[in-house]
């Protein structure tokens, strides 16, 4: 039979054990290196870092790659672009992206000189690499033809008049709706038509 004074003694011993175990744990936690997400380049700048506790940038990018590969592989999208990656970020995401492309049977292309059109802010991928996934190799050929079209227009001094046509073709290659292309073009022109 347990008496009140025994119960108090058991509680006191349990409290003492708990406190003595907790102190070393607290001390060792203070000595731990920063959470891995805090050391990932760009992780704290990503909008999800403020929403998802313990946000892990490279896992996010890997998941995005698998999602893009599924969309492209199913035919829902002809061409998908990754986020623009720094060299360090690319080192971490290239293999998961390659796995995603293989799993869904889609060609992958690493682009370090993304086509510049008024569809997107040209600075978005400046000095960075984008990974493309295409429904077929023909889609990648269409993309490269657009780059050549821009290069020719630039060399001939008619880039201003050709840019919107190239942007529309790029938008369609990305399977964007006409409304989305119009919105992106309007935004890039500062809302001017």
N, C-alpha and C. Protein backbone atom coordinates (compact mmCIF):
# COMPACT_ATOMS: atom_id res chain seq x y z
N UNK A 1 0.84 -1.17 0.00
CA UNK A 1 0.00 0.00 0.00
C UNK A 1 0.89 1.24 0.00
N UNK A 2 0.54 2.22 -0.84
CA UNK A 2 1.32 3.44 -0.99
C UNK A 2 0.73 4.53 -0.11
N UNK A 3 1.56 5.11 0.73
CA UNK A 3 1.11 6.18 1.63
C UNK A 3 1.45 7.54 1.03
N UNK A 4 0.79 8.56 1.54
CA UNK A 4 0.97 9.92 1.04
C UNK A 4 2.42 10.36 1.08
N UNK A 5 3.15 10.05 2.21
CA UNK A 5 4.54 10.50 2.26
C UNK A 5 5.40 9.75 1.25
N UNK A 6 5.06 8.50 0.91
CA UNK A 6 5.79 7.77 -0.13
C UNK A 6 5.53 8.39 -1.51
N UNK A 7 4.28 8.80 -1.71
CA UNK A 7 3.91 9.43 -2.97
C UNK A 7 4.69 10.74 -3.17
N UNK A 8 4.79 11.52 -2.08
CA UNK A 8 5.55 12.77 -2.17
C UNK A 8 7.01 12.48 -2.47
N UNK A 9 7.57 11.46 -1.84
CA UNK A 9 8.96 11.11 -2.06
C UNK A 9 9.16 10.65 -3.51
N UNK A 10 8.26 9.86 -4.06
CA UNK A 10 8.35 9.39 -5.44
C UNK A 10 8.27 10.56 -6.41
N UNK A 11 7.38 11.49 -6.14
CA UNK A 11 7.25 12.69 -6.98
C UNK A 11 8.52 13.52 -6.93
N UNK A 12 9.09 13.67 -5.74
CA UNK A 12 10.34 14.44 -5.60
C UNK A 12 11.48 13.78 -6.35
N UNK A 13 11.58 12.46 -6.27
CA UNK A 13 12.64 11.72 -6.98
C UNK A 13 12.44 11.83 -8.49
N UNK A 14 11.18 11.68 -8.94
CA UNK A 14 10.89 11.79 -10.37
C UNK A 14 11.24 13.18 -10.88
N UNK A 15 10.89 14.21 -10.13
CA UNK A 15 11.21 15.58 -10.51
C UNK A 15 12.72 15.78 -10.59
N UNK A 16 13.45 15.26 -9.62
CA UNK A 16 14.89 15.38 -9.59
C UNK A 16 15.51 14.69 -10.81
N UNK A 17 15.03 13.49 -11.13
CA UNK A 17 15.54 12.76 -12.29
C UNK A 17 15.24 13.53 -13.57
N UNK A 18 14.00 14.04 -13.69
CA UNK A 18 13.61 14.79 -14.87
C UNK A 18 14.48 16.02 -15.05
N UNK A 19 14.69 16.76 -13.96
CA UNK A 19 15.52 17.97 -14.04
C UNK A 19 16.95 17.61 -14.39
N UNK A 20 17.48 16.57 -13.78
CA UNK A 20 18.88 16.22 -14.04
C UNK A 20 19.06 15.70 -15.46
N UNK A 21 18.03 15.07 -16.03
CA UNK A 21 18.13 14.61 -17.41
C UNK A 21 17.95 15.78 -18.39
N UNK A 22 17.09 16.71 -18.03
CA UNK A 22 16.78 17.81 -18.94
C UNK A 22 17.94 18.79 -19.09
N UNK A 23 18.67 19.03 -18.04
CA UNK A 23 19.75 20.01 -18.10
C UNK A 23 20.80 19.62 -19.14
N UNK A 24 21.31 18.38 -19.13
CA UNK A 24 22.29 18.05 -20.17
C UNK A 24 21.72 18.14 -21.58
N UNK A 25 20.42 17.81 -21.74
CA UNK A 25 19.81 17.90 -23.05
C UNK A 25 19.75 19.35 -23.50
N UNK A 26 19.35 20.23 -22.60
CA UNK A 26 19.30 21.65 -22.96
C UNK A 26 20.67 22.19 -23.30
N UNK A 27 21.66 21.79 -22.56
CA UNK A 27 23.02 22.24 -22.83
C UNK A 27 23.48 21.72 -24.19
N UNK A 28 23.19 20.43 -24.48
CA UNK A 28 23.65 19.89 -25.75
C UNK A 28 22.90 20.50 -26.92
N UNK A 29 21.61 20.89 -26.76
CA UNK A 29 20.87 21.55 -27.83
C UNK A 29 21.49 22.89 -28.17
N UNK A 30 21.98 23.59 -27.17
CA UNK A 30 22.60 24.90 -27.41
C UNK A 30 23.87 24.76 -28.22
N UNK A 31 24.51 23.59 -28.14
CA UNK A 31 25.76 23.38 -28.86
C UNK A 31 25.56 22.83 -30.27
N UNK A 32 24.31 22.55 -30.65
CA UNK A 32 24.05 21.99 -31.97
C UNK A 32 24.28 23.04 -33.06
N UNK A 33 24.70 22.59 -34.25
CA UNK A 33 24.85 23.54 -35.35
C UNK A 33 23.47 24.02 -35.78
N UNK A 34 23.39 25.11 -36.55
CA UNK A 34 22.09 25.61 -36.99
C UNK A 34 21.36 24.54 -37.79
N UNK A 35 20.02 24.61 -37.79
CA UNK A 35 19.21 23.68 -38.56
C UNK A 35 19.67 23.75 -40.00
N UNK A 36 19.64 22.61 -40.68
CA UNK A 36 20.15 22.54 -42.04
C UNK A 36 19.48 23.55 -42.95
N UNK A 37 18.17 23.80 -42.76
CA UNK A 37 17.49 24.76 -43.62
C UNK A 37 18.07 26.17 -43.46
N UNK A 38 18.65 26.46 -42.29
CA UNK A 38 19.23 27.77 -42.08
C UNK A 38 20.56 27.93 -42.82
N UNK A 39 21.18 26.81 -43.21
CA UNK A 39 22.46 26.87 -43.91
C UNK A 39 22.29 26.67 -45.41
N UNK A 40 21.09 26.41 -45.88
CA UNK A 40 20.85 26.23 -47.30
C UNK A 40 20.79 27.58 -47.98
N UNK A 41 21.55 27.74 -49.02
CA UNK A 41 21.58 29.01 -49.75
C UNK A 41 20.18 29.35 -50.25
N UNK A 42 19.68 30.51 -49.85
CA UNK A 42 18.38 30.99 -50.30
C UNK A 42 17.19 30.47 -49.52
N UNK A 43 17.40 29.57 -48.56
CA UNK A 43 16.28 28.96 -47.84
C UNK A 43 15.48 29.97 -47.04
N UNK A 44 16.15 30.88 -46.38
CA UNK A 44 15.43 31.83 -45.54
C UNK A 44 14.77 32.93 -46.37
N UNK A 45 15.18 33.09 -47.63
CA UNK A 45 14.56 34.08 -48.51
C UNK A 45 13.31 33.54 -49.18
N UNK A 46 13.13 32.24 -49.20
CA UNK A 46 12.00 31.63 -49.88
C UNK A 46 10.71 31.93 -49.11
N UNK A 47 9.63 32.27 -49.81
CA UNK A 47 8.37 32.61 -49.13
C UNK A 47 7.85 31.49 -48.22
N UNK A 48 8.11 30.25 -48.55
CA UNK A 48 7.61 29.14 -47.75
C UNK A 48 8.33 29.03 -46.40
N UNK A 49 9.51 29.61 -46.29
CA UNK A 49 10.27 29.51 -45.03
C UNK A 49 9.54 30.19 -43.88
N UNK A 50 8.71 31.17 -44.19
CA UNK A 50 7.95 31.84 -43.15
C UNK A 50 6.62 31.18 -42.86
N UNK A 51 6.26 30.19 -43.66
CA UNK A 51 4.96 29.53 -43.52
C UNK A 51 5.09 28.11 -42.98
N UNK A 52 6.14 27.41 -43.42
CA UNK A 52 6.33 26.01 -43.05
C UNK A 52 7.46 25.91 -42.04
N UNK A 53 7.12 25.43 -40.85
CA UNK A 53 8.12 25.25 -39.80
C UNK A 53 9.13 24.18 -40.24
N UNK A 54 10.41 24.47 -40.14
CA UNK A 54 11.46 23.52 -40.53
C UNK A 54 11.57 23.38 -42.04
N UNK A 55 11.18 24.42 -42.77
CA UNK A 55 11.21 24.40 -44.24
C UNK A 55 12.58 23.96 -44.74
N UNK A 56 12.57 23.03 -45.69
CA UNK A 56 13.80 22.50 -46.27
C UNK A 56 13.78 22.78 -47.77
N UNK A 57 14.58 23.73 -48.20
CA UNK A 57 14.56 24.22 -49.57
C UNK A 57 14.81 23.13 -50.60
N UNK A 58 15.82 22.30 -50.39
CA UNK A 58 16.17 21.31 -51.40
C UNK A 58 15.09 20.23 -51.52
N UNK A 59 14.45 19.89 -50.42
CA UNK A 59 13.32 18.95 -50.49
C UNK A 59 12.17 19.57 -51.26
N UNK A 60 11.94 20.85 -51.03
CA UNK A 60 10.90 21.57 -51.76
C UNK A 60 11.19 21.53 -53.26
N UNK A 61 12.43 21.84 -53.65
CA UNK A 61 12.79 21.82 -55.07
C UNK A 61 12.67 20.41 -55.65
N UNK A 62 13.05 19.40 -54.89
CA UNK A 62 12.93 18.01 -55.37
C UNK A 62 11.47 17.66 -55.60
N UNK A 63 10.61 18.04 -54.66
CA UNK A 63 9.18 17.79 -54.82
C UNK A 63 8.61 18.52 -56.02
N UNK A 64 9.06 19.74 -56.23
CA UNK A 64 8.62 20.51 -57.39
C UNK A 64 9.04 19.83 -58.69
N UNK A 65 10.23 19.25 -58.70
CA UNK A 65 10.72 18.56 -59.89
C UNK A 65 9.84 17.36 -60.22
N UNK A 66 9.46 16.59 -59.20
CA UNK A 66 8.60 15.43 -59.43
C UNK A 66 7.22 15.87 -59.91
N UNK A 67 6.72 16.97 -59.37
CA UNK A 67 5.42 17.49 -59.80
C UNK A 67 5.49 17.93 -61.26
N UNK A 68 6.53 18.67 -61.60
CA UNK A 68 6.70 19.14 -62.98
C UNK A 68 6.83 17.95 -63.93
N UNK A 69 7.60 16.95 -63.55
CA UNK A 69 7.79 15.78 -64.40
C UNK A 69 6.46 15.05 -64.63
N UNK A 70 5.64 14.98 -63.59
CA UNK A 70 4.34 14.33 -63.74
C UNK A 70 3.44 15.12 -64.69
N UNK A 71 3.39 16.45 -64.54
CA UNK A 71 2.59 17.28 -65.44
C UNK A 71 3.06 17.11 -66.89
N UNK A 72 4.36 17.17 -67.09
CA UNK A 72 4.90 17.06 -68.44
C UNK A 72 4.70 15.64 -68.98
N UNK A 73 5.01 14.66 -68.17
CA UNK A 73 4.87 13.26 -68.60
C UNK A 73 3.45 12.88 -68.95
N UNK A 74 2.47 13.49 -68.29
CA UNK A 74 1.06 13.19 -68.56
C UNK A 74 0.54 13.93 -69.78
N UNK A 75 1.33 14.87 -70.30
CA UNK A 75 0.91 15.65 -71.45
C UNK A 75 0.13 16.90 -71.07
N UNK A 76 0.01 17.19 -69.79
CA UNK A 76 -0.71 18.39 -69.35
C UNK A 76 0.08 19.65 -69.65
N UNK A 77 1.37 19.51 -69.80
CA UNK A 77 2.25 20.65 -70.04
C UNK A 77 3.33 20.19 -71.01
N UNK A 78 3.65 21.02 -72.01
CA UNK A 78 4.67 20.63 -72.98
C UNK A 78 6.08 20.86 -72.45
N UNK A 79 6.25 21.95 -71.71
CA UNK A 79 7.57 22.32 -71.21
C UNK A 79 7.41 22.91 -69.81
N UNK A 80 8.24 22.48 -68.89
CA UNK A 80 8.23 23.01 -67.53
C UNK A 80 9.62 23.54 -67.20
N UNK A 81 9.63 24.65 -66.48
CA UNK A 81 10.88 25.27 -66.05
C UNK A 81 10.99 25.15 -64.53
N UNK A 82 12.18 24.85 -64.07
CA UNK A 82 12.43 24.86 -62.63
C UNK A 82 12.60 26.29 -62.16
N UNK A 83 12.77 26.45 -60.88
CA UNK A 83 13.18 27.74 -60.34
C UNK A 83 14.60 28.02 -60.85
N UNK A 84 15.00 29.25 -60.92
CA UNK A 84 16.40 29.55 -61.28
C UNK A 84 17.31 29.17 -60.11
N UNK A 85 18.34 28.37 -60.38
CA UNK A 85 19.23 27.87 -59.34
C UNK A 85 20.61 28.49 -59.44
N UNK A 86 21.21 28.73 -58.29
CA UNK A 86 22.62 29.07 -58.24
C UNK A 86 23.40 27.78 -58.48
N UNK A 87 24.69 27.88 -58.66
CA UNK A 87 25.51 26.69 -58.86
C UNK A 87 25.41 25.74 -57.67
N UNK A 88 25.46 26.30 -56.47
CA UNK A 88 25.37 25.47 -55.25
C UNK A 88 24.02 24.77 -55.15
N UNK A 89 22.94 25.51 -55.42
CA UNK A 89 21.62 24.90 -55.37
C UNK A 89 21.48 23.80 -56.42
N UNK A 90 22.01 24.05 -57.61
CA UNK A 90 21.94 23.07 -58.70
C UNK A 90 22.60 21.76 -58.29
N UNK A 91 23.73 21.85 -57.60
CA UNK A 91 24.42 20.64 -57.14
C UNK A 91 23.52 19.75 -56.28
N UNK A 92 22.63 20.39 -55.50
CA UNK A 92 21.75 19.64 -54.60
C UNK A 92 20.50 19.11 -55.28
N UNK A 93 20.07 19.74 -56.35
CA UNK A 93 18.79 19.36 -56.95
C UNK A 93 18.90 18.62 -58.28
N UNK A 94 20.08 18.57 -58.85
CA UNK A 94 20.21 17.95 -60.18
C UNK A 94 19.86 16.46 -60.16
N UNK A 95 20.31 15.73 -59.16
CA UNK A 95 20.02 14.28 -59.12
C UNK A 95 18.54 13.99 -58.87
N UNK A 96 17.90 14.65 -57.88
CA UNK A 96 16.46 14.40 -57.73
C UNK A 96 15.67 14.77 -58.98
N UNK A 97 16.09 15.83 -59.67
CA UNK A 97 15.40 16.23 -60.89
C UNK A 97 15.62 15.20 -61.99
N UNK A 98 16.82 14.68 -62.09
CA UNK A 98 17.10 13.63 -63.07
C UNK A 98 16.26 12.38 -62.78
N UNK A 99 16.16 12.03 -61.50
CA UNK A 99 15.33 10.89 -61.11
C UNK A 99 13.87 11.10 -61.52
N UNK A 100 13.36 12.31 -61.29
CA UNK A 100 11.97 12.62 -61.64
C UNK A 100 11.76 12.50 -63.15
N UNK A 101 12.70 13.05 -63.93
CA UNK A 101 12.59 12.99 -65.39
C UNK A 101 12.61 11.54 -65.87
N UNK A 102 13.48 10.73 -65.29
CA UNK A 102 13.55 9.31 -65.66
C UNK A 102 12.28 8.58 -65.27
N UNK A 103 11.78 8.84 -64.08
CA UNK A 103 10.58 8.15 -63.60
C UNK A 103 9.38 8.41 -64.52
N UNK A 104 9.26 9.64 -65.02
CA UNK A 104 8.12 9.99 -65.86
C UNK A 104 8.46 9.96 -67.35
N UNK A 105 9.68 9.55 -67.68
CA UNK A 105 10.07 9.36 -69.07
C UNK A 105 10.08 10.63 -69.91
N UNK A 106 10.56 11.72 -69.31
CA UNK A 106 10.60 12.99 -70.04
C UNK A 106 12.04 13.46 -70.20
N UNK A 107 12.34 14.07 -71.34
CA UNK A 107 13.68 14.63 -71.53
C UNK A 107 13.92 15.81 -70.59
N UNK A 108 15.14 15.94 -70.16
CA UNK A 108 15.54 17.01 -69.26
C UNK A 108 16.67 17.79 -69.92
N UNK A 109 16.67 19.09 -69.74
CA UNK A 109 17.72 19.92 -70.32
C UNK A 109 18.15 20.96 -69.29
N UNK A 110 19.44 21.08 -69.06
CA UNK A 110 19.97 22.06 -68.12
C UNK A 110 20.34 23.31 -68.92
N UNK A 111 19.64 24.42 -68.62
CA UNK A 111 19.79 25.66 -69.39
C UNK A 111 20.42 26.74 -68.53
N UNK A 112 21.61 27.17 -68.93
CA UNK A 112 22.28 28.23 -68.17
C UNK A 112 22.19 29.58 -68.87
N UNK A 113 21.38 29.64 -69.94
CA UNK A 113 21.17 30.89 -70.67
C UNK A 113 19.71 30.92 -71.15
N UNK A 114 18.80 31.09 -70.20
CA UNK A 114 17.37 31.04 -70.49
C UNK A 114 16.97 32.08 -71.53
N UNK A 115 16.09 31.68 -72.43
CA UNK A 115 15.55 32.57 -73.44
C UNK A 115 14.98 33.82 -72.78
N UNK A 116 15.41 34.98 -73.27
CA UNK A 116 14.93 36.25 -72.74
C UNK A 116 13.82 36.77 -73.64
N UNK A 117 12.65 36.98 -73.04
CA UNK A 117 11.53 37.62 -73.74
C UNK A 117 10.83 38.52 -72.73
N UNK A 118 9.84 39.26 -73.20
CA UNK A 118 9.08 40.11 -72.28
C UNK A 118 8.07 39.30 -71.47
N UNK A 119 8.08 38.01 -71.61
CA UNK A 119 7.20 37.14 -70.80
C UNK A 119 7.64 37.14 -69.34
N UNK A 120 8.95 37.21 -69.11
CA UNK A 120 9.51 37.19 -67.75
C UNK A 120 10.53 38.31 -67.59
N UNK A 121 10.74 38.71 -66.36
CA UNK A 121 11.80 39.68 -66.04
C UNK A 121 13.14 39.05 -66.43
N UNK A 122 13.92 39.69 -67.28
CA UNK A 122 15.18 39.09 -67.73
C UNK A 122 16.17 38.82 -66.59
N UNK A 123 16.04 39.55 -65.49
CA UNK A 123 16.98 39.37 -64.38
C UNK A 123 16.68 38.11 -63.57
N UNK A 124 15.51 37.50 -63.78
CA UNK A 124 15.09 36.38 -62.94
C UNK A 124 16.09 35.20 -62.99
N UNK A 125 16.66 34.96 -64.15
CA UNK A 125 17.57 33.82 -64.28
C UNK A 125 19.00 34.25 -64.61
N UNK A 126 19.26 35.53 -64.51
CA UNK A 126 20.60 36.03 -64.83
C UNK A 126 21.65 35.41 -63.91
N UNK A 127 22.63 34.75 -64.51
CA UNK A 127 23.70 34.11 -63.74
C UNK A 127 23.25 32.83 -63.05
N UNK A 128 22.08 32.34 -63.40
CA UNK A 128 21.55 31.13 -62.76
C UNK A 128 21.21 30.09 -63.81
N UNK A 129 20.89 28.91 -63.34
CA UNK A 129 20.57 27.79 -64.22
C UNK A 129 19.13 27.36 -63.99
N UNK A 130 18.45 27.04 -65.08
CA UNK A 130 17.09 26.53 -65.03
C UNK A 130 17.11 25.13 -65.61
N UNK A 131 16.38 24.22 -65.00
CA UNK A 131 16.26 22.87 -65.55
C UNK A 131 14.91 22.78 -66.24
N UNK A 132 14.94 22.32 -67.47
CA UNK A 132 13.72 22.17 -68.26
C UNK A 132 13.36 20.69 -68.36
N UNK A 133 12.07 20.43 -68.34
CA UNK A 133 11.56 19.10 -68.65
C UNK A 133 10.57 19.27 -69.79
N UNK A 134 10.71 18.43 -70.81
CA UNK A 134 9.90 18.57 -72.01
C UNK A 134 9.11 17.28 -72.27
N UNK A 135 7.96 17.45 -72.91
CA UNK A 135 7.14 16.30 -73.24
C UNK A 135 7.86 15.38 -74.22
N UNK A 136 8.55 15.98 -75.19
CA UNK A 136 9.35 15.22 -76.15
C UNK A 136 10.60 16.02 -76.49
N UNK A 137 11.52 15.38 -77.16
CA UNK A 137 12.72 16.07 -77.65
C UNK A 137 12.34 17.17 -78.63
N UNK A 138 11.25 16.98 -79.38
CA UNK A 138 10.79 18.00 -80.33
C UNK A 138 10.49 19.31 -79.62
N UNK A 139 9.96 19.24 -78.41
CA UNK A 139 9.65 20.46 -77.65
C UNK A 139 10.94 21.20 -77.33
N UNK A 140 11.98 20.47 -76.96
CA UNK A 140 13.27 21.12 -76.70
C UNK A 140 13.82 21.74 -77.99
N UNK A 141 13.62 21.08 -79.12
CA UNK A 141 14.05 21.64 -80.40
C UNK A 141 13.29 22.92 -80.70
N UNK A 142 11.98 22.94 -80.39
CA UNK A 142 11.18 24.16 -80.58
C UNK A 142 11.72 25.29 -79.70
N UNK A 143 12.10 24.95 -78.48
CA UNK A 143 12.67 25.96 -77.57
C UNK A 143 13.96 26.54 -78.16
N UNK A 144 14.84 25.67 -78.63
CA UNK A 144 16.11 26.13 -79.21
C UNK A 144 15.87 26.94 -80.49
N UNK A 145 14.83 26.61 -81.23
CA UNK A 145 14.49 27.39 -82.43
C UNK A 145 14.06 28.80 -82.02
N UNK A 146 13.34 28.92 -80.90
CA UNK A 146 12.96 30.25 -80.40
C UNK A 146 14.20 31.05 -80.00
N UNK A 147 15.17 30.39 -79.39
CA UNK A 147 16.41 31.09 -79.03
C UNK A 147 17.12 31.59 -80.29
N UNK A 148 17.14 30.77 -81.33
CA UNK A 148 17.77 31.17 -82.59
C UNK A 148 17.01 32.32 -83.25
N UNK A 149 15.68 32.27 -83.18
CA UNK A 149 14.85 33.34 -83.73
C UNK A 149 15.16 34.66 -83.04
N UNK A 150 15.30 34.62 -81.71
CA UNK A 150 15.65 35.83 -80.96
C UNK A 150 17.05 36.33 -81.33
N UNK A 151 17.98 35.39 -81.44
CA UNK A 151 19.37 35.74 -81.78
C UNK A 151 19.41 36.42 -83.16
N UNK A 152 18.66 35.88 -84.12
CA UNK A 152 18.60 36.45 -85.46
C UNK A 152 17.96 37.84 -85.44
N UNK A 153 16.85 37.96 -84.70
CA UNK A 153 16.16 39.26 -84.60
C UNK A 153 17.07 40.30 -83.97
N UNK A 154 17.83 39.91 -82.97
CA UNK A 154 18.77 40.83 -82.32
C UNK A 154 19.86 41.26 -83.29
N UNK A 155 20.42 40.29 -84.04
CA UNK A 155 21.49 40.60 -84.99
C UNK A 155 21.00 41.50 -86.12
N UNK A 156 19.73 41.35 -86.50
CA UNK A 156 19.17 42.14 -87.59
C UNK A 156 18.56 43.45 -87.10
N UNK A 157 18.64 43.72 -85.81
CA UNK A 157 18.12 44.97 -85.26
C UNK A 157 16.61 45.05 -85.21
N UNK A 158 15.91 43.94 -85.18
CA UNK A 158 14.45 43.96 -85.13
C UNK A 158 13.89 43.22 -83.92
N UNK A 159 14.67 43.21 -82.84
CA UNK A 159 14.24 42.50 -81.63
C UNK A 159 12.98 43.12 -81.03
N UNK A 160 12.89 44.47 -81.05
CA UNK A 160 11.71 45.12 -80.47
C UNK A 160 10.42 44.65 -81.12
N UNK A 161 10.44 44.51 -82.43
CA UNK A 161 9.22 44.09 -83.14
C UNK A 161 9.01 42.57 -83.09
N UNK A 162 10.03 41.80 -82.81
CA UNK A 162 9.91 40.34 -82.76
C UNK A 162 9.69 39.79 -81.36
N UNK A 163 9.97 40.60 -80.34
CA UNK A 163 9.93 40.09 -78.96
C UNK A 163 8.58 39.53 -78.56
N UNK A 164 7.51 40.26 -78.88
CA UNK A 164 6.18 39.79 -78.45
C UNK A 164 5.82 38.47 -79.14
N UNK A 165 6.15 38.33 -80.40
CA UNK A 165 5.89 37.07 -81.12
C UNK A 165 6.66 35.92 -80.45
N UNK A 166 7.91 36.17 -80.13
CA UNK A 166 8.73 35.14 -79.48
C UNK A 166 8.17 34.82 -78.10
N UNK A 167 7.75 35.86 -77.37
CA UNK A 167 7.18 35.65 -76.04
C UNK A 167 5.91 34.81 -76.12
N UNK A 168 5.04 35.09 -77.09
CA UNK A 168 3.82 34.30 -77.26
C UNK A 168 4.16 32.83 -77.56
N UNK A 169 5.12 32.62 -78.45
CA UNK A 169 5.50 31.24 -78.78
C UNK A 169 6.09 30.52 -77.57
N UNK A 170 6.88 31.24 -76.79
CA UNK A 170 7.46 30.65 -75.57
C UNK A 170 6.35 30.33 -74.57
N UNK A 171 5.41 31.25 -74.40
CA UNK A 171 4.29 31.02 -73.50
C UNK A 171 3.48 29.80 -73.91
N UNK A 172 3.24 29.65 -75.18
CA UNK A 172 2.49 28.48 -75.67
C UNK A 172 3.30 27.20 -75.47
N UNK A 173 4.61 27.30 -75.66
CA UNK A 173 5.47 26.14 -75.41
C UNK A 173 5.38 25.70 -73.94
N UNK A 174 5.18 26.68 -73.05
CA UNK A 174 5.03 26.40 -71.62
C UNK A 174 3.59 26.00 -71.26
N UNK A 175 2.74 25.91 -72.29
CA UNK A 175 1.33 25.53 -72.13
C UNK A 175 0.53 26.54 -71.32
N UNK A 176 0.92 27.79 -71.39
CA UNK A 176 0.18 28.86 -70.72
C UNK A 176 -1.06 29.21 -71.55
N UNK A 177 -2.11 29.59 -70.89
CA UNK A 177 -3.32 30.05 -71.58
C UNK A 177 -3.04 31.42 -72.19
N UNK A 178 -3.89 31.81 -73.16
CA UNK A 178 -3.74 33.14 -73.76
C UNK A 178 -3.87 34.22 -72.70
N UNK A 179 -4.78 34.01 -71.75
CA UNK A 179 -4.98 35.00 -70.68
C UNK A 179 -3.72 35.16 -69.83
N UNK A 180 -3.08 34.04 -69.53
CA UNK A 180 -1.85 34.09 -68.72
C UNK A 180 -0.74 34.80 -69.49
N UNK A 181 -0.60 34.50 -70.76
CA UNK A 181 0.43 35.16 -71.57
C UNK A 181 0.16 36.66 -71.63
N UNK A 182 -1.10 37.03 -71.88
CA UNK A 182 -1.45 38.46 -71.92
C UNK A 182 -1.14 39.14 -70.60
N UNK A 183 -1.47 38.48 -69.49
CA UNK A 183 -1.21 39.07 -68.16
C UNK A 183 0.29 39.26 -67.95
N UNK A 184 1.08 38.23 -68.26
CA UNK A 184 2.53 38.33 -68.07
C UNK A 184 3.14 39.42 -68.94
N UNK A 185 2.67 39.52 -70.17
CA UNK A 185 3.18 40.57 -71.06
C UNK A 185 2.77 41.95 -70.55
N UNK A 186 1.55 42.07 -70.06
CA UNK A 186 1.08 43.34 -69.52
C UNK A 186 1.89 43.73 -68.29
N UNK A 187 2.16 42.77 -67.42
CA UNK A 187 2.97 43.04 -66.22
C UNK A 187 4.39 43.45 -66.59
N UNK A 188 4.95 42.82 -67.62
CA UNK A 188 6.32 43.16 -67.99
C UNK A 188 6.42 44.53 -68.64
N UNK A 189 5.31 45.00 -69.18
CA UNK A 189 5.27 46.35 -69.78
C UNK A 189 4.75 47.38 -68.79
N UNK A 190 4.72 47.01 -67.53
CA UNK A 190 4.27 47.95 -66.49
C UNK A 190 2.80 48.28 -66.58
N UNK A 191 2.01 47.30 -67.08
CA UNK A 191 0.57 47.51 -67.17
C UNK A 191 0.15 48.26 -68.44
N UNK A 192 1.12 48.63 -69.27
CA UNK A 192 0.80 49.32 -70.53
C UNK A 192 0.44 48.29 -71.59
N UNK A 193 -0.39 48.67 -72.49
CA UNK A 193 -0.73 47.82 -73.63
C UNK A 193 0.10 48.22 -74.82
